[in-house]
PDB file of N, CA and C in Angstrom:
ATOM      1  N   UNK A   1      87.116  31.628 -59.125  1.00  0.00           N
ATOM      2  CA  UNK A   1      87.962  31.411 -57.963  1.00  0.00           C
ATOM      3  C   UNK A   1      87.359  30.483 -56.962  1.00  0.00           C
ATOM      4  N   UNK A   2      88.045  29.681 -56.345  1.00  0.00           N
ATOM      5  CA  UNK A   2      87.494  28.767 -55.350  1.00  0.00           C
ATOM      6  C   UNK A   2      88.724  28.372 -54.407  1.00  0.00           C
ATOM      7  N   UNK A   3      88.309  27.854 -53.307  1.00  0.00           N
ATOM      8  CA  UNK A   3      89.145  27.445 -52.266  1.00  0.00           C
ATOM      9  C   UNK A   3      88.826  25.953 -52.024  1.00  0.00           C
ATOM     10  N   UNK A   4      89.688  25.305 -51.171  1.00  0.00           N
ATOM     11  CA  UNK A   4      89.438  24.013 -50.744  1.00  0.00           C
ATOM     12  C   UNK A   4      89.620  23.942 -49.205  1.00  0.00           C
ATOM     13  N   UNK A   5      88.648  23.147 -48.652  1.00  0.00           N
ATOM     14  CA  UNK A   5      88.818  22.904 -47.112  1.00  0.00           C
ATOM     15  C   UNK A   5      89.021  21.363 -47.032  1.00  0.00           C
ATOM     16  N   UNK A   6      90.002  21.010 -46.158  1.00  0.00           N
ATOM     17  CA  UNK A   6      90.286  19.573 -45.889  1.00  0.00           C
ATOM     18  C   UNK A   6      89.965  19.443 -44.332  1.00  0.00           C
ATOM     19  N   UNK A   7      88.982  18.727 -44.050  1.00  0.00           N
ATOM     20  CA  UNK A   7      88.578  18.556 -42.730  1.00  0.00           C
ATOM     21  C   UNK A   7      87.426  17.673 -42.458  1.00  0.00           C
ATOM     22  N   UNK A   8      87.132  17.304 -41.287  1.00  0.00           N
ATOM     23  CA  UNK A   8      86.030  16.474 -41.028  1.00  0.00           C
ATOM     24  C   UNK A   8      84.831  17.144 -40.434  1.00  0.00           C
ATOM     25  N   UNK A   9      84.917  18.569 -40.243  1.00  0.00           N
ATOM     26  CA  UNK A   9      83.788  19.325 -39.750  1.00  0.00           C
ATOM     27  C   UNK A   9      82.956  19.878 -40.854  1.00  0.00           C
ATOM     28  N   UNK A  10      81.749  19.510 -41.009  1.00  0.00           N
ATOM     29  CA  UNK A  10      80.930  19.907 -42.129  1.00  0.00           C
ATOM     30  C   UNK A  10      80.528  21.396 -41.995  1.00  0.00           C
ATOM     31  N   UNK A  11      80.734  22.074 -40.855  1.00  0.00           N
ATOM     32  CA  UNK A  11      80.273  23.402 -40.711  1.00  0.00           C
ATOM     33  C   UNK A  11      81.386  24.366 -41.162  1.00  0.00           C
ATOM     34  N   UNK A  12      82.679  23.929 -41.468  1.00  0.00           N
ATOM     35  CA  UNK A  12      83.703  24.804 -41.796  1.00  0.00           C
ATOM     36  C   UNK A  12      83.505  25.272 -43.259  1.00  0.00           C
ATOM     37  N   UNK A  13      83.024  24.441 -44.158  1.00  0.00           N
ATOM     38  CA  UNK A  13      82.907  25.016 -45.538  1.00  0.00           C
ATOM     39  C   UNK A  13      81.995  26.126 -45.762  1.00  0.00           C
ATOM     40  N   UNK A  14      80.776  26.002 -45.185  1.00  0.00           N
ATOM     41  CA  UNK A  14      79.775  27.147 -45.441  1.00  0.00           C
ATOM     42  C   UNK A  14      80.344  28.475 -44.697  1.00  0.00           C
ATOM     43  N   UNK A  15      81.035  28.287 -43.491  1.00  0.00           N
ATOM     44  CA  UNK A  15      81.586  29.455 -42.849  1.00  0.00           C
ATOM     45  C   UNK A  15      82.640  30.084 -43.638  1.00  0.00           C
ATOM     46  N   UNK A  16      83.642  29.306 -44.225  1.00  0.00           N
ATOM     47  CA  UNK A  16      84.691  29.916 -45.005  1.00  0.00           C
ATOM     48  C   UNK A  16      84.152  30.465 -46.281  1.00  0.00           C
ATOM     49  N   UNK A  17      83.195  29.873 -46.878  1.00  0.00           N
ATOM     50  CA  UNK A  17      82.565  30.311 -48.140  1.00  0.00           C
ATOM     51  C   UNK A  17      81.878  31.672 -47.886  1.00  0.00           C
ATOM     52  N   UNK A  18      81.224  31.843 -46.724  1.00  0.00           N
ATOM     53  CA  UNK A  18      80.549  33.128 -46.499  1.00  0.00           C
ATOM     54  C   UNK A  18      81.606  34.167 -46.150  1.00  0.00           C
ATOM     55  N   UNK A  19      82.611  33.803 -45.303  1.00  0.00           N
ATOM     56  CA  UNK A  19      83.687  34.805 -44.916  1.00  0.00           C
ATOM     57  C   UNK A  19      84.408  35.309 -46.206  1.00  0.00           C
ATOM     58  N   UNK A  20      84.786  34.470 -47.190  1.00  0.00           N
ATOM     59  CA  UNK A  20      85.584  34.845 -48.329  1.00  0.00           C
ATOM     60  C   UNK A  20      84.771  35.128 -49.486  1.00  0.00           C
ATOM     61  N   UNK A  21      83.442  34.885 -49.415  1.00  0.00           N
ATOM     62  CA  UNK A  21      82.496  35.098 -50.630  1.00  0.00           C
ATOM     63  C   UNK A  21      83.150  34.313 -51.788  1.00  0.00           C
ATOM     64  N   UNK A  22      83.522  33.151 -51.599  1.00  0.00           N
ATOM     65  CA  UNK A  22      84.184  32.215 -52.545  1.00  0.00           C
ATOM     66  C   UNK A  22      83.489  30.815 -52.513  1.00  0.00           C
ATOM     67  N   UNK A  23      83.409  30.150 -53.619  1.00  0.00           N
ATOM     68  CA  UNK A  23      83.073  28.795 -53.637  1.00  0.00           C
ATOM     69  C   UNK A  23      84.229  27.987 -52.857  1.00  0.00           C
ATOM     70  N   UNK A  24      83.689  26.996 -52.001  1.00  0.00           N
ATOM     71  CA  UNK A  24      84.652  26.117 -51.357  1.00  0.00           C
ATOM     72  C   UNK A  24      84.333  24.643 -51.646  1.00  0.00           C
ATOM     73  N   UNK A  25      85.424  24.005 -52.077  1.00  0.00           N
ATOM     74  CA  UNK A  25      85.257  22.455 -52.310  1.00  0.00           C
ATOM     75  C   UNK A  25      85.696  21.833 -50.999  1.00  0.00           C
ATOM     76  N   UNK A  26      84.802  20.912 -50.497  1.00  0.00           N
ATOM     77  CA  UNK A  26      85.192  20.210 -49.285  1.00  0.00           C
ATOM     78  C   UNK A  26      85.807  18.760 -49.643  1.00  0.00           C
ATOM     79  N   UNK A  27      86.757  18.442 -48.754  1.00  0.00           N
ATOM     80  CA  UNK A  27      87.381  17.103 -48.761  1.00  0.00           C
ATOM     81  C   UNK A  27      87.467  16.675 -47.270  1.00  0.00           C
ATOM     82  N   UNK A  28      87.044  15.510 -46.958  1.00  0.00           N
ATOM     83  CA  UNK A  28      86.909  15.100 -45.639  1.00  0.00           C
ATOM     84  C   UNK A  28      88.026  14.115 -45.105  1.00  0.00           C
ATOM     85  N   UNK A  29      88.973  13.797 -46.121  1.00  0.00           N
ATOM     86  CA  UNK A  29      90.052  12.847 -45.835  1.00  0.00           C
ATOM     87  C   UNK A  29      91.261  13.307 -46.601  1.00  0.00           C
ATOM     88  N   UNK A  30      92.446  12.786 -46.102  1.00  0.00           N
ATOM     89  CA  UNK A  30      93.730  13.039 -46.629  1.00  0.00           C
ATOM     90  C   UNK A  30      93.736  12.249 -48.020  1.00  0.00           C
ATOM     91  N   UNK A  31      93.272  11.027 -47.914  1.00  0.00           N
ATOM     92  CA  UNK A  31      93.301  10.194 -49.263  1.00  0.00           C
ATOM     93  C   UNK A  31      92.371  10.810 -50.237  1.00  0.00           C
ATOM     94  N   UNK A  32      91.256  11.401 -49.806  1.00  0.00           N
ATOM     95  CA  UNK A  32      90.305  12.035 -50.833  1.00  0.00           C
ATOM     96  C   UNK A  32      90.983  13.255 -51.554  1.00  0.00           C
ATOM     97  N   UNK A  33      91.686  14.088 -50.768  1.00  0.00           N
ATOM     98  CA  UNK A  33      92.341  15.306 -51.444  1.00  0.00           C
ATOM     99  C   UNK A  33      93.527  14.894 -52.214  1.00  0.00           C
ATOM    100  N   UNK A  34      94.299  13.887 -51.687  1.00  0.00           N
ATOM    101  CA  UNK A  34      95.472  13.505 -52.502  1.00  0.00           C
ATOM    102  C   UNK A  34      95.131  12.850 -53.786  1.00  0.00           C
ATOM    103  N   UNK A  35      94.013  12.058 -53.781  1.00  0.00           N
ATOM    104  CA  UNK A  35      93.626  11.403 -55.062  1.00  0.00           C
ATOM    105  C   UNK A  35      93.195  12.425 -56.119  1.00  0.00           C
ATOM    106  N   UNK A  36      92.718  13.681 -55.688  1.00  0.00           N
ATOM    107  CA  UNK A  36      92.240  14.645 -56.748  1.00  0.00           C
ATOM    108  C   UNK A  36      92.936  15.925 -56.738  1.00  0.00           C
ATOM    109  N   UNK A  37      93.929  16.142 -55.891  1.00  0.00           N
ATOM    110  CA  UNK A  37      94.626  17.500 -55.808  1.00  0.00           C
ATOM    111  C   UNK A  37      95.134  17.998 -57.178  1.00  0.00           C
ATOM    112  N   UNK A  38      95.781  17.041 -57.918  1.00  0.00           N
ATOM    113  CA  UNK A  38      96.310  17.630 -59.206  1.00  0.00           C
ATOM    114  C   UNK A  38      95.266  18.095 -60.195  1.00  0.00           C
ATOM    115  N   UNK A  39      93.991  17.874 -59.925  1.00  0.00           N
ATOM    116  CA  UNK A  39      92.926  18.313 -60.842  1.00  0.00           C
ATOM    117  C   UNK A  39      92.549  19.840 -60.558  1.00  0.00           C
ATOM    118  N   UNK A  40      93.018  20.289 -59.419  1.00  0.00           N
ATOM    119  CA  UNK A  40      92.499  21.600 -58.888  1.00  0.00           C
ATOM    120  C   UNK A  40      93.590  22.657 -58.845  1.00  0.00           C
ATOM    121  N   UNK A  41      93.220  23.818 -58.914  1.00  0.00           N
ATOM    122  CA  UNK A  41      94.172  25.007 -58.789  1.00  0.00           C
ATOM    123  C   UNK A  41      93.309  26.035 -57.773  1.00  0.00           C
ATOM    124  N   UNK A  42      93.325  25.621 -56.561  1.00  0.00           N
ATOM    125  CA  UNK A  42      92.629  26.625 -55.682  1.00  0.00           C
ATOM    126  C   UNK A  42      93.386  27.895 -55.370  1.00  0.00           C
ATOM    127  N   UNK A  43      92.713  28.943 -54.926  1.00  0.00           N
ATOM    128  CA  UNK A  43      93.260  30.154 -54.509  1.00  0.00           C
ATOM    129  C   UNK A  43      93.908  30.042 -53.037  1.00  0.00           C
ATOM    130  N   UNK A  44      93.254  29.116 -52.216  1.00  0.00           N
ATOM    131  CA  UNK A  44      93.633  28.902 -50.876  1.00  0.00           C
ATOM    132  C   UNK A  44      93.212  27.596 -50.353  1.00  0.00           C
ATOM    133  N   UNK A  45      93.865  27.084 -49.524  1.00  0.00           N
ATOM    134  CA  UNK A  45      93.496  25.703 -48.816  1.00  0.00           C
ATOM    135  C   UNK A  45      93.430  25.831 -47.390  1.00  0.00           C
ATOM    136  N   UNK A  46      92.317  25.496 -46.791  1.00  0.00           N
ATOM    137  CA  UNK A  46      92.170  25.459 -45.348  1.00  0.00           C
ATOM    138  C   UNK A  46      92.224  23.918 -44.960  1.00  0.00           C
ATOM    139  N   UNK A  47      93.271  23.667 -43.993  1.00  0.00           N
ATOM    140  CA  UNK A  47      93.565  22.293 -43.588  1.00  0.00           C
ATOM    141  C   UNK A  47      93.470  22.150 -42.195  1.00  0.00           C
ATOM    142  N   UNK A  48      92.542  21.301 -41.766  1.00  0.00           N
ATOM    143  CA  UNK A  48      92.337  20.955 -40.462  1.00  0.00           C
ATOM    144  C   UNK A  48      93.394  20.037 -39.892  1.00  0.00           C
ATOM    145  N   UNK A  49      93.927  20.360 -38.767  1.00  0.00           N
ATOM    146  CA  UNK A  49      94.957  19.369 -38.102  1.00  0.00           C
ATOM    147  C   UNK A  49      94.368  17.933 -37.912  1.00  0.00           C
ATOM    148  N   UNK A  50      93.183  17.986 -37.413  1.00  0.00           N
ATOM    149  CA  UNK A  50      92.543  16.650 -37.172  1.00  0.00           C
ATOM    150  C   UNK A  50      91.549  16.422 -38.221  1.00  0.00           C
ATOM    151  N   UNK A  51      92.035  15.798 -39.241  1.00  0.00           N
ATOM    152  CA  UNK A  51      91.233  15.422 -40.396  1.00  0.00           C
ATOM    153  C   UNK A  51      90.160  14.432 -40.034  1.00  0.00           C
ATOM    154  N   UNK A  52      90.738  13.384 -39.414  1.00  0.00           N
ATOM    155  CA  UNK A  52      89.869  12.223 -38.939  1.00  0.00           C
ATOM    156  C   UNK A  52      90.599  11.537 -37.893  1.00  0.00           C
ATOM    157  N   UNK A  53      90.057  10.374 -37.454  1.00  0.00           N
ATOM    158  CA  UNK A  53      90.610   9.690 -36.234  1.00  0.00           C
ATOM    159  C   UNK A  53      92.114   9.392 -36.425  1.00  0.00           C
ATOM    160  N   UNK A  54      92.586   8.999 -37.542  1.00  0.00           N
ATOM    161  CA  UNK A  54      93.805   8.477 -37.780  1.00  0.00           C
ATOM    162  C   UNK A  54      94.703   9.439 -38.737  1.00  0.00           C
ATOM    163  N   UNK A  55      94.214  10.599 -39.008  1.00  0.00           N
ATOM    164  CA  UNK A  55      94.890  11.547 -39.997  1.00  0.00           C
ATOM    165  C   UNK A  55      95.304  12.759 -39.405  1.00  0.00           C
ATOM    166  N   UNK A  56      96.494  13.242 -39.569  1.00  0.00           N
ATOM    167  CA  UNK A  56      96.968  14.480 -39.127  1.00  0.00           C
ATOM    168  C   UNK A  56      97.235  15.465 -40.276  1.00  0.00           C
ATOM    169  N   UNK A  57      96.514  16.525 -40.384  1.00  0.00           N
ATOM    170  CA  UNK A  57      96.608  17.462 -41.479  1.00  0.00           C
ATOM    171  C   UNK A  57      98.092  18.030 -41.637  1.00  0.00           C
ATOM    172  N   UNK A  58      98.898  18.028 -40.541  1.00  0.00           N
ATOM    173  CA  UNK A  58     100.211  18.641 -40.645  1.00  0.00           C
ATOM    174  C   UNK A  58     101.064  17.604 -41.451  1.00  0.00           C
ATOM    175  N   UNK A  59     100.858  16.433 -41.338  1.00  0.00           N
ATOM    176  CA  UNK A  59     101.503  15.369 -42.208  1.00  0.00           C
ATOM    177  C   UNK A  59     101.251  15.659 -43.688  1.00  0.00           C
ATOM    178  N   UNK A  60     100.084  16.232 -44.037  1.00  0.00           N
ATOM    179  CA  UNK A  60      99.674  16.479 -45.380  1.00  0.00           C
ATOM    180  C   UNK A  60     100.278  17.618 -46.133  1.00  0.00           C
ATOM    181  N   UNK A  61     100.732  18.660 -45.339  1.00  0.00           N
ATOM    182  CA  UNK A  61     101.271  19.847 -45.750  1.00  0.00           C
ATOM    183  C   UNK A  61     102.555  19.574 -46.808  1.00  0.00           C
ATOM    184  N   UNK A  62     103.522  18.793 -46.497  1.00  0.00           N
ATOM    185  CA  UNK A  62     104.508  18.589 -47.540  1.00  0.00           C
ATOM    186  C   UNK A  62     104.032  17.927 -48.846  1.00  0.00           C
ATOM    187  N   UNK A  63     103.064  17.132 -48.753  1.00  0.00           N
ATOM    188  CA  UNK A  63     102.565  16.480 -49.938  1.00  0.00           C
ATOM    189  C   UNK A  63     101.779  17.404 -50.747  1.00  0.00           C
ATOM    190  N   UNK A  64     100.944  18.268 -50.115  1.00  0.00           N
ATOM    191  CA  UNK A  64     100.148  19.220 -50.836  1.00  0.00           C
ATOM    192  C   UNK A  64     101.127  20.378 -51.471  1.00  0.00           C
ATOM    193  N   UNK A  65     102.106  20.703 -50.796  1.00  0.00           N
ATOM    194  CA  UNK A  65     103.140  21.716 -51.247  1.00  0.00           C
ATOM    195  C   UNK A  65     103.769  21.267 -52.500  1.00  0.00           C
ATOM    196  N   UNK A  66     103.988  19.939 -52.737  1.00  0.00           N
ATOM    197  CA  UNK A  66     104.600  19.490 -53.959  1.00  0.00           C
ATOM    198  C   UNK A  66     103.617  19.657 -55.180  1.00  0.00           C
ATOM    199  N   UNK A  67     102.321  19.758 -54.830  1.00  0.00           N
ATOM    200  CA  UNK A  67     101.438  19.890 -55.907  1.00  0.00           C
ATOM    201  C   UNK A  67     101.107  21.406 -56.147  1.00  0.00           C
ATOM    202  N   UNK A  68     100.949  22.087 -54.971  1.00  0.00           N
ATOM    203  CA  UNK A  68     100.503  23.469 -55.006  1.00  0.00           C
ATOM    204  C   UNK A  68     101.592  24.306 -54.400  1.00  0.00           C
ATOM    205  N   UNK A  69     102.678  24.623 -55.024  1.00  0.00           N
ATOM    206  CA  UNK A  69     103.828  25.239 -54.645  1.00  0.00           C
ATOM    207  C   UNK A  69     103.468  26.648 -53.979  1.00  0.00           C
ATOM    208  N   UNK A  70     102.676  27.401 -54.693  1.00  0.00           N
ATOM    209  CA  UNK A  70     102.498  28.776 -54.121  1.00  0.00           C
ATOM    210  C   UNK A  70     101.120  28.996 -53.687  1.00  0.00           C
ATOM    211  N   UNK A  71     100.333  28.070 -53.467  1.00  0.00           N
ATOM    212  CA  UNK A  71      98.859  28.274 -52.885  1.00  0.00           C
ATOM    213  C   UNK A  71      98.985  28.306 -51.402  1.00  0.00           C
ATOM    214  N   UNK A  72      98.450  29.431 -50.816  1.00  0.00           N
ATOM    215  CA  UNK A  72      98.547  29.426 -49.248  1.00  0.00           C
ATOM    216  C   UNK A  72      97.691  28.296 -48.638  1.00  0.00           C
ATOM    217  N   UNK A  73      98.295  27.700 -47.645  1.00  0.00           N
ATOM    218  CA  UNK A  73      97.766  26.626 -46.977  1.00  0.00           C
ATOM    219  C   UNK A  73      97.664  27.132 -45.509  1.00  0.00           C
ATOM    220  N   UNK A  74      96.394  27.291 -45.074  1.00  0.00           N
ATOM    221  CA  UNK A  74      96.095  27.765 -43.814  1.00  0.00           C
ATOM    222  C   UNK A  74      95.603  26.666 -42.819  1.00  0.00           C
ATOM    223  N   UNK A  75      96.392  26.507 -41.804  1.00  0.00           N
ATOM    224  CA  UNK A  75      96.045  25.493 -40.939  1.00  0.00           C
ATOM    225  C   UNK A  75      94.976  25.929 -39.892  1.00  0.00           C
ATOM    226  N   UNK A  76      93.930  25.101 -39.797  1.00  0.00           N
ATOM    227  CA  UNK A  76      92.844  25.422 -38.805  1.00  0.00           C
ATOM    228  C   UNK A  76      92.730  24.281 -37.774  1.00  0.00           C
ATOM    229  N   UNK A  77      92.278  24.688 -36.483  1.00  0.00           N
ATOM    230  CA  UNK A  77      92.184  23.570 -35.617  1.00  0.00           C
ATOM    231  C   UNK A  77      91.223  24.059 -34.479  1.00  0.00           C
ATOM    232  N   UNK A  78      90.396  23.146 -33.837  1.00  0.00           N
ATOM    233  CA  UNK A  78      89.717  23.439 -32.663  1.00  0.00           C
ATOM    234  C   UNK A  78      90.492  23.065 -31.515  1.00  0.00           C
ATOM    235  N   UNK A  79      91.663  22.438 -31.665  1.00  0.00           N
ATOM    236  CA  UNK A  79      92.558  22.085 -30.634  1.00  0.00           C
ATOM    237  C   UNK A  79      93.251  23.362 -30.041  1.00  0.00           C
ATOM    238  N   UNK A  80      93.720  23.268 -28.796  1.00  0.00           N
ATOM    239  CA  UNK A  80      94.383  24.415 -28.116  1.00  0.00           C
ATOM    240  C   UNK A  80      95.818  24.707 -28.856  1.00  0.00           C
ATOM    241  N   UNK A  81      96.351  25.800 -28.524  1.00  0.00           N
ATOM    242  CA  UNK A  81      97.738  26.237 -29.105  1.00  0.00           C
ATOM    243  C   UNK A  81      98.679  25.236 -28.595  1.00  0.00           C
ATOM    244  N   UNK A  82      98.638  24.654 -27.433  1.00  0.00           N
ATOM    245  CA  UNK A  82      99.752  23.803 -26.890  1.00  0.00           C
ATOM    246  C   UNK A  82      99.754  22.601 -27.810  1.00  0.00           C
ATOM    247  N   UNK A  83      98.782  21.963 -28.315  1.00  0.00           N
ATOM    248  CA  UNK A  83      98.751  20.859 -29.186  1.00  0.00           C
ATOM    249  C   UNK A  83      99.513  21.261 -30.504  1.00  0.00           C
ATOM    250  N   UNK A  84      99.117  22.443 -31.037  1.00  0.00           N
ATOM    251  CA  UNK A  84      99.687  22.839 -32.312  1.00  0.00           C
ATOM    252  C   UNK A  84     101.181  23.028 -32.167  1.00  0.00           C
ATOM    253  N   UNK A  85     101.683  23.691 -31.020  1.00  0.00           N
ATOM    254  CA  UNK A  85     103.080  23.792 -30.803  1.00  0.00           C
ATOM    255  C   UNK A  85     103.761  22.584 -30.580  1.00  0.00           C
ATOM    256  N   UNK A  86     103.228  21.634 -30.004  1.00  0.00           N
ATOM    257  CA  UNK A  86     103.925  20.370 -29.843  1.00  0.00           C
ATOM    258  C   UNK A  86     104.018  19.492 -31.127  1.00  0.00           C
ATOM    259  N   UNK A  87     103.218  19.838 -32.125  1.00  0.00           N
ATOM    260  CA  UNK A  87     103.266  19.081 -33.362  1.00  0.00           C
ATOM    261  C   UNK A  87     103.908  19.860 -34.589  1.00  0.00           C
ATOM    262  N   UNK A  88     104.595  20.993 -34.300  1.00  0.00           N
ATOM    263  CA  UNK A  88     105.256  21.667 -35.372  1.00  0.00           C
ATOM    264  C   UNK A  88     106.280  20.880 -36.064  1.00  0.00           C
ATOM    265  N   UNK A  89     106.882  19.974 -35.463  1.00  0.00           N
ATOM    266  CA  UNK A  89     107.916  19.083 -36.015  1.00  0.00           C
ATOM    267  C   UNK A  89     107.376  18.505 -37.393  1.00  0.00           C
ATOM    268  N   UNK A  90     106.122  18.412 -37.568  1.00  0.00           N
ATOM    269  CA  UNK A  90     105.480  17.748 -38.777  1.00  0.00           C
ATOM    270  C   UNK A  90     105.758  18.575 -39.943  1.00  0.00           C
ATOM    271  N   UNK A  91     106.045  19.822 -39.846  1.00  0.00           N
ATOM    272  CA  UNK A  91     106.229  20.756 -40.889  1.00  0.00           C
ATOM    273  C   UNK A  91     107.619  20.627 -41.638  1.00  0.00           C
ATOM    274  N   UNK A  92     108.555  19.979 -41.043  1.00  0.00           N
ATOM    275  CA  UNK A  92     109.868  19.927 -41.649  1.00  0.00           C
ATOM    276  C   UNK A  92     110.002  18.776 -42.640  1.00  0.00           C
TER     277      UNK A  92
END
């Protein structure tokens, strides 16, 4: 069993791995995960809202959902709740 973390913070993977006692595969960009997503069957995906300077993790959710219909996608961010609430329209 393994999970996937999509984000630009290198400290997240070891933290999630320790918390879940699970191997975690890191991806630092939307392009990186989309190029390889079909190869994997993770138990869970942790998705950072700010993947990089020009990438929004919320935009990635519908694309990942087409590949992993039933895999939980957990959105993580260091941004405040206000930013998250203002950007919920990306989920539709």
